Amino acid sequence: MKTLPKERRYETFSYLPPLTDAQIARQIQYTIDQGYFPCIEFNEDAAAEIYYWTMWKLPMFNCTSPQEVLNEVQQCRSEFPSSYIRVVAFDNVKQCQVMSFIVHKPNSGNSGNYGGGYRY
């Protein structure tokens, strides 16, 4: 049985290998299909005890495709390349965050792969 190397774990999908571009797009599509509003947040430190990240623009209330979210992630990444970036899904009925996952990890040593397998 193969296990993942020891490293700091973040958010919802941290126990899985890094998501591919297609997998990130499918997760964003799932959040849109569920009626959740995607939002992009960034922070220089992804420590578990930090609850409040800086929001990149407002939540994407009228978002209809994952590509819109990925374009915003790319803009955020180009503006703040040394920050962790995550996609958050908000439920407007429960008035809370229902899911979040990291889409960009800075300085992971593989610059050609944009941070350990995350392209956005």
N, C-alpha and C. Protein backbone atom coordinates (compact mmCIF):
# COMPACT_ATOMS: atom_id res chain seq x y z
N MET A 1 0.85 -1.17 0.00
CA MET A 1 0.00 0.00 0.00
C MET A 1 0.89 1.23 0.00
N LYS A 2 0.57 2.18 -0.84
CA LYS A 2 1.33 3.41 -0.94
C LYS A 2 0.62 4.51 -0.14
N THR A 3 1.37 5.23 0.65
CA THR A 3 0.80 6.34 1.40
C THR A 3 1.39 7.64 0.90
N LEU A 4 0.70 8.72 1.16
CA LEU A 4 1.19 10.03 0.77
C LEU A 4 2.35 10.43 1.67
N PRO A 5 3.29 11.22 1.17
CA PRO A 5 4.40 11.67 2.01
C PRO A 5 3.90 12.57 3.13
N LYS A 6 4.66 12.59 4.22
CA LYS A 6 4.27 13.44 5.35
C LYS A 6 4.40 14.90 4.93
N GLU A 7 3.34 15.63 5.06
CA GLU A 7 3.32 17.05 4.80
C GLU A 7 2.11 17.65 5.49
N ARG A 8 2.08 18.95 5.58
CA ARG A 8 0.97 19.63 6.22
C ARG A 8 -0.30 19.43 5.38
N ARG A 9 -1.41 19.13 6.02
CA ARG A 9 -2.67 18.91 5.33
C ARG A 9 -3.55 20.14 5.47
N TYR A 10 -4.28 20.46 4.39
CA TYR A 10 -5.12 21.64 4.34
C TYR A 10 -6.52 21.28 3.88
N GLU A 11 -7.52 21.76 4.54
CA GLU A 11 -8.89 21.81 4.03
C GLU A 11 -9.49 20.46 3.63
N THR A 12 -10.50 20.52 2.76
CA THR A 12 -11.35 19.39 2.44
C THR A 12 -10.64 18.23 1.76
N PHE A 13 -9.87 18.45 0.72
CA PHE A 13 -9.28 17.37 -0.06
C PHE A 13 -7.80 17.15 0.25
N SER A 14 -7.36 17.53 1.41
CA SER A 14 -5.93 17.49 1.73
C SER A 14 -5.39 16.07 1.84
N TYR A 15 -6.23 15.10 2.06
CA TYR A 15 -5.78 13.72 2.19
C TYR A 15 -5.59 13.06 0.84
N LEU A 16 -6.01 13.70 -0.25
CA LEU A 16 -5.87 13.16 -1.59
C LEU A 16 -4.60 13.70 -2.26
N PRO A 17 -4.12 13.04 -3.30
CA PRO A 17 -3.04 13.63 -4.08
C PRO A 17 -3.52 14.96 -4.68
N PRO A 18 -2.60 15.82 -5.10
CA PRO A 18 -3.02 17.11 -5.67
C PRO A 18 -4.02 16.93 -6.81
N LEU A 19 -5.03 17.79 -6.83
CA LEU A 19 -6.06 17.70 -7.86
C LEU A 19 -5.53 18.18 -9.20
N THR A 20 -5.97 17.54 -10.27
CA THR A 20 -5.63 17.99 -11.61
C THR A 20 -6.54 19.14 -11.99
N ASP A 21 -6.25 19.77 -13.12
CA ASP A 21 -7.09 20.87 -13.60
C ASP A 21 -8.53 20.41 -13.80
N ALA A 22 -8.70 19.25 -14.40
CA ALA A 22 -10.05 18.73 -14.66
C ALA A 22 -10.78 18.42 -13.36
N GLN A 23 -10.08 17.89 -12.37
CA GLN A 23 -10.71 17.59 -11.09
C GLN A 23 -11.12 18.87 -10.35
N ILE A 24 -10.28 19.89 -10.43
CA ILE A 24 -10.64 21.18 -9.82
C ILE A 24 -11.89 21.73 -10.49
N ALA A 25 -11.93 21.68 -11.81
CA ALA A 25 -13.09 22.18 -12.55
C ALA A 25 -14.35 21.39 -12.19
N ARG A 26 -14.22 20.07 -12.02
CA ARG A 26 -15.39 19.26 -11.65
C ARG A 26 -15.89 19.59 -10.25
N GLN A 27 -14.98 19.84 -9.32
CA GLN A 27 -15.40 20.22 -7.97
C GLN A 27 -16.12 21.56 -7.97
N ILE A 28 -15.61 22.49 -8.76
CA ILE A 28 -16.28 23.79 -8.87
C ILE A 28 -17.64 23.63 -9.53
N GLN A 29 -17.72 22.80 -10.56
CA GLN A 29 -19.01 22.54 -11.21
C GLN A 29 -20.00 21.93 -10.22
N TYR A 30 -19.53 21.03 -9.39
CA TYR A 30 -20.39 20.42 -8.37
C TYR A 30 -20.96 21.49 -7.43
N THR A 31 -20.12 22.41 -6.99
CA THR A 31 -20.61 23.46 -6.08
C THR A 31 -21.66 24.32 -6.77
N ILE A 32 -21.45 24.63 -8.03
CA ILE A 32 -22.43 25.42 -8.78
C ILE A 32 -23.72 24.64 -8.95
N ASP A 33 -23.61 23.34 -9.28
CA ASP A 33 -24.80 22.49 -9.47
C ASP A 33 -25.61 22.36 -8.18
N GLN A 34 -24.95 22.41 -7.03
CA GLN A 34 -25.65 22.31 -5.74
C GLN A 34 -26.31 23.62 -5.33
N GLY A 35 -26.09 24.67 -6.10
CA GLY A 35 -26.67 25.97 -5.77
C GLY A 35 -25.80 26.79 -4.83
N TYR A 36 -24.57 26.36 -4.60
CA TYR A 36 -23.66 27.11 -3.74
C TYR A 36 -22.97 28.19 -4.56
N PHE A 37 -22.52 29.23 -3.87
CA PHE A 37 -21.83 30.32 -4.53
C PHE A 37 -20.33 30.19 -4.31
N PRO A 38 -19.55 30.06 -5.38
CA PRO A 38 -18.11 29.96 -5.21
C PRO A 38 -17.49 31.32 -4.88
N CYS A 39 -16.42 31.26 -4.14
CA CYS A 39 -15.68 32.45 -3.76
C CYS A 39 -14.21 32.07 -3.69
N ILE A 40 -13.35 33.03 -3.93
CA ILE A 40 -11.91 32.78 -3.89
C ILE A 40 -11.32 33.57 -2.74
N GLU A 41 -10.49 32.90 -1.96
CA GLU A 41 -9.81 33.52 -0.83
C GLU A 41 -8.33 33.22 -0.91
N PHE A 42 -7.52 34.10 -0.32
CA PHE A 42 -6.08 33.88 -0.31
C PHE A 42 -5.50 34.30 1.03
N ASN A 43 -4.34 33.73 1.33
CA ASN A 43 -3.65 34.04 2.58
C ASN A 43 -2.20 33.61 2.44
N GLU A 44 -1.31 34.32 3.09
CA GLU A 44 0.11 33.95 3.01
C GLU A 44 0.43 32.73 3.85
N ASP A 45 -0.37 32.44 4.85
CA ASP A 45 -0.14 31.30 5.72
C ASP A 45 -1.41 30.45 5.73
N ALA A 46 -1.27 29.16 5.56
CA ALA A 46 -2.44 28.27 5.53
C ALA A 46 -2.56 27.46 6.80
N ALA A 47 -2.09 28.00 7.92
CA ALA A 47 -2.17 27.29 9.19
C ALA A 47 -3.63 27.02 9.55
N ALA A 48 -3.85 25.87 10.15
CA ALA A 48 -5.22 25.46 10.48
C ALA A 48 -5.89 26.40 11.47
N GLU A 49 -5.11 27.05 12.31
CA GLU A 49 -5.72 27.94 13.31
C GLU A 49 -6.12 29.30 12.75
N ILE A 50 -5.80 29.58 11.49
CA ILE A 50 -6.21 30.84 10.86
C ILE A 50 -7.56 30.61 10.18
N TYR A 51 -8.59 31.20 10.72
CA TYR A 51 -9.93 30.97 10.20
C TYR A 51 -10.31 31.97 9.12
N TYR A 52 -9.76 33.16 9.16
CA TYR A 52 -10.18 34.23 8.27
C TYR A 52 -9.11 34.49 7.22
N TRP A 53 -9.46 34.26 5.98
CA TRP A 53 -8.58 34.54 4.85
C TRP A 53 -9.11 35.79 4.17
N THR A 54 -8.29 36.39 3.34
CA THR A 54 -8.72 37.59 2.60
C THR A 54 -9.51 37.15 1.37
N MET A 55 -10.66 37.77 1.18
CA MET A 55 -11.51 37.42 0.05
C MET A 55 -11.04 38.14 -1.20
N TRP A 56 -10.93 37.40 -2.29
CA TRP A 56 -10.60 37.97 -3.59
C TRP A 56 -11.91 38.36 -4.25
N LYS A 57 -12.19 39.62 -4.29
CA LYS A 57 -13.46 40.16 -4.81
C LYS A 57 -14.63 39.61 -3.99
N LEU A 58 -15.84 39.76 -4.49
CA LEU A 58 -17.03 39.25 -3.82
C LEU A 58 -17.31 37.82 -4.27
N PRO A 59 -18.15 37.08 -3.51
CA PRO A 59 -18.55 35.75 -4.00
C PRO A 59 -19.18 35.87 -5.39
N MET A 60 -19.04 34.84 -6.17
CA MET A 60 -19.49 34.85 -7.56
C MET A 60 -20.95 34.40 -7.64
N PHE A 61 -21.85 35.31 -7.33
CA PHE A 61 -23.28 34.99 -7.22
C PHE A 61 -23.90 34.56 -8.55
N ASN A 62 -23.46 35.13 -9.65
CA ASN A 62 -24.05 34.82 -10.95
C ASN A 62 -23.18 33.87 -11.77
N CYS A 63 -22.34 33.12 -11.13
CA CYS A 63 -21.43 32.21 -11.81
C CYS A 63 -22.20 31.04 -12.42
N THR A 64 -21.90 30.73 -13.67
CA THR A 64 -22.58 29.61 -14.33
C THR A 64 -21.62 28.53 -14.83
N SER A 65 -20.32 28.80 -14.82
CA SER A 65 -19.37 27.80 -15.29
C SER A 65 -18.10 27.81 -14.44
N PRO A 66 -17.44 26.67 -14.35
CA PRO A 66 -16.20 26.62 -13.56
C PRO A 66 -15.09 27.48 -14.17
N GLN A 67 -15.15 27.71 -15.47
CA GLN A 67 -14.10 28.50 -16.11
C GLN A 67 -14.08 29.93 -15.60
N GLU A 68 -15.24 30.47 -15.26
CA GLU A 68 -15.29 31.82 -14.67
C GLU A 68 -14.52 31.86 -13.36
N VAL A 69 -14.70 30.84 -12.54
CA VAL A 69 -14.01 30.77 -11.26
C VAL A 69 -12.51 30.58 -11.49
N LEU A 70 -12.15 29.69 -12.41
CA LEU A 70 -10.74 29.42 -12.68
C LEU A 70 -10.03 30.65 -13.23
N ASN A 71 -10.74 31.47 -14.01
CA ASN A 71 -10.14 32.72 -14.50
C ASN A 71 -9.83 33.65 -13.34
N GLU A 72 -10.74 33.73 -12.37
CA GLU A 72 -10.50 34.57 -11.19
C GLU A 72 -9.36 34.02 -10.34
N VAL A 73 -9.28 32.69 -10.24
CA VAL A 73 -8.18 32.07 -9.50
C VAL A 73 -6.85 32.45 -10.16
N GLN A 74 -6.82 32.38 -11.48
CA GLN A 74 -5.60 32.73 -12.20
C GLN A 74 -5.22 34.20 -11.97
N GLN A 75 -6.18 35.09 -11.96
CA GLN A 75 -5.91 36.51 -11.70
C GLN A 75 -5.38 36.70 -10.29
N CYS A 76 -5.98 36.02 -9.34
CA CYS A 76 -5.54 36.11 -7.95
C CYS A 76 -4.12 35.56 -7.82
N ARG A 77 -3.85 34.46 -8.49
CA ARG A 77 -2.53 33.85 -8.44
C ARG A 77 -1.46 34.76 -9.03
N SER A 78 -1.79 35.45 -10.11
CA SER A 78 -0.81 36.36 -10.71
C SER A 78 -0.60 37.60 -9.84
N GLU A 79 -1.61 38.02 -9.11
CA GLU A 79 -1.50 39.18 -8.21
C GLU A 79 -0.78 38.83 -6.90
N PHE A 80 -1.03 37.62 -6.38
CA PHE A 80 -0.45 37.19 -5.10
C PHE A 80 0.21 35.81 -5.26
N PRO A 81 1.34 35.74 -5.96
CA PRO A 81 1.96 34.43 -6.24
C PRO A 81 2.50 33.72 -5.01
N SER A 82 2.76 34.45 -3.94
CA SER A 82 3.32 33.82 -2.74
C SER A 82 2.25 33.48 -1.70
N SER A 83 1.00 33.47 -2.11
CA SER A 83 -0.09 33.17 -1.19
C SER A 83 -0.76 31.84 -1.52
N TYR A 84 -1.34 31.23 -0.51
CA TYR A 84 -2.19 30.07 -0.71
C TYR A 84 -3.52 30.60 -1.23
N ILE A 85 -4.11 29.87 -2.16
CA ILE A 85 -5.40 30.28 -2.72
C ILE A 85 -6.35 29.11 -2.59
N ARG A 86 -7.56 29.41 -2.15
CA ARG A 86 -8.56 28.35 -2.02
C ARG A 86 -9.88 28.80 -2.63
N VAL A 87 -10.67 27.82 -3.03
CA VAL A 87 -12.03 28.06 -3.51
C VAL A 87 -12.96 27.64 -2.39
N VAL A 88 -13.89 28.51 -2.07
CA VAL A 88 -14.84 28.29 -1.00
C VAL A 88 -16.24 28.26 -1.59
N ALA A 89 -17.11 27.40 -1.06
CA ALA A 89 -18.50 27.34 -1.49
C ALA A 89 -19.39 27.79 -0.34
N PHE A 90 -20.26 28.76 -0.61
CA PHE A 90 -21.18 29.28 0.39
C PHE A 90 -22.60 28.81 0.10
N ASP A 91 -23.31 28.44 1.14
CA ASP A 91 -24.72 28.05 1.05
C ASP A 91 -25.54 29.25 1.49
N ASN A 92 -26.36 29.80 0.58
CA ASN A 92 -27.13 30.99 0.94
C ASN A 92 -28.34 30.68 1.82
N VAL A 93 -28.76 29.41 1.90
CA VAL A 93 -29.87 29.06 2.77
C VAL A 93 -29.39 28.90 4.21
N LYS A 94 -28.33 28.14 4.40
CA LYS A 94 -27.77 27.92 5.74
C LYS A 94 -26.92 29.09 6.21
N GLN A 95 -26.56 29.97 5.27
CA GLN A 95 -25.74 31.14 5.57
C GLN A 95 -24.37 30.75 6.15
N CYS A 96 -23.73 29.80 5.48
CA CYS A 96 -22.43 29.35 5.98
C CYS A 96 -21.58 28.81 4.83
N GLN A 97 -20.32 28.59 5.16
CA GLN A 97 -19.39 27.96 4.23
C GLN A 97 -19.60 26.45 4.32
N VAL A 98 -19.76 25.79 3.17
CA VAL A 98 -20.00 24.35 3.19
C VAL A 98 -18.82 23.54 2.66
N MET A 99 -17.91 24.19 1.94
CA MET A 99 -16.76 23.46 1.42
C MET A 99 -15.66 24.45 1.06
N SER A 100 -14.43 24.01 1.20
CA SER A 100 -13.30 24.80 0.71
C SER A 100 -12.15 23.87 0.40
N PHE A 101 -11.36 24.22 -0.59
CA PHE A 101 -10.20 23.42 -0.93
C PHE A 101 -9.14 24.30 -1.58
N ILE A 102 -7.90 23.94 -1.32
CA ILE A 102 -6.74 24.68 -1.82
C ILE A 102 -6.56 24.40 -3.31
N VAL A 103 -6.35 25.47 -4.09
CA VAL A 103 -6.08 25.30 -5.52
C VAL A 103 -4.69 25.82 -5.90
N HIS A 104 -4.00 26.49 -4.97
CA HIS A 104 -2.64 26.95 -5.25
C HIS A 104 -1.84 26.96 -3.96
N LYS A 105 -0.69 26.28 -4.00
CA LYS A 105 0.25 26.30 -2.88
C LYS A 105 1.54 26.96 -3.37
N PRO A 106 1.99 28.01 -2.72
CA PRO A 106 3.20 28.70 -3.18
C PRO A 106 4.47 27.97 -2.76
N ASN A 107 5.52 28.20 -3.51
CA ASN A 107 6.87 27.76 -3.15
C ASN A 107 6.97 26.29 -2.78
N SER A 108 6.38 25.43 -3.57
CA SER A 108 6.49 24.01 -3.27
C SER A 108 7.68 23.37 -3.96
N GLY A 109 8.49 24.19 -4.65
CA GLY A 109 9.70 23.68 -5.25
C GLY A 109 9.58 23.25 -6.70
N ASN A 110 8.39 23.19 -7.24
CA ASN A 110 8.21 22.78 -8.63
C ASN A 110 7.49 23.88 -9.38
N SER A 111 8.24 24.89 -9.83
CA SER A 111 7.63 26.07 -10.43
C SER A 111 6.95 25.76 -11.76
N GLY A 112 7.40 24.74 -12.48
CA GLY A 112 6.77 24.40 -13.74
C GLY A 112 5.39 23.81 -13.55
N ASN A 113 5.11 23.34 -12.36
CA ASN A 113 3.83 22.70 -12.08
C ASN A 113 2.95 23.59 -11.22
N TYR A 114 3.33 24.84 -11.04
CA TYR A 114 2.55 25.82 -10.29
C TYR A 114 2.22 25.39 -8.88
N GLY A 115 3.13 24.74 -8.21
CA GLY A 115 2.89 24.44 -6.81
C GLY A 115 2.38 23.06 -6.54
N GLY A 116 3.11 22.03 -6.90
CA GLY A 116 2.77 20.69 -6.49
C GLY A 116 1.55 20.10 -7.15
N GLY A 117 1.32 20.37 -8.41
CA GLY A 117 0.22 19.74 -9.10
C GLY A 117 -1.00 20.63 -9.27
N TYR A 118 -1.03 21.76 -8.62
CA TYR A 118 -2.15 22.67 -8.76
C TYR A 118 -1.80 23.69 -9.83
N ARG A 119 -2.58 23.74 -10.88
CA ARG A 119 -2.27 24.64 -11.98
C ARG A 119 -2.87 26.00 -11.78
N TYR A 120 -3.91 26.14 -10.99
CA TYR A 120 -4.58 27.42 -10.85
C TYR A 120 -4.30 28.03 -9.50
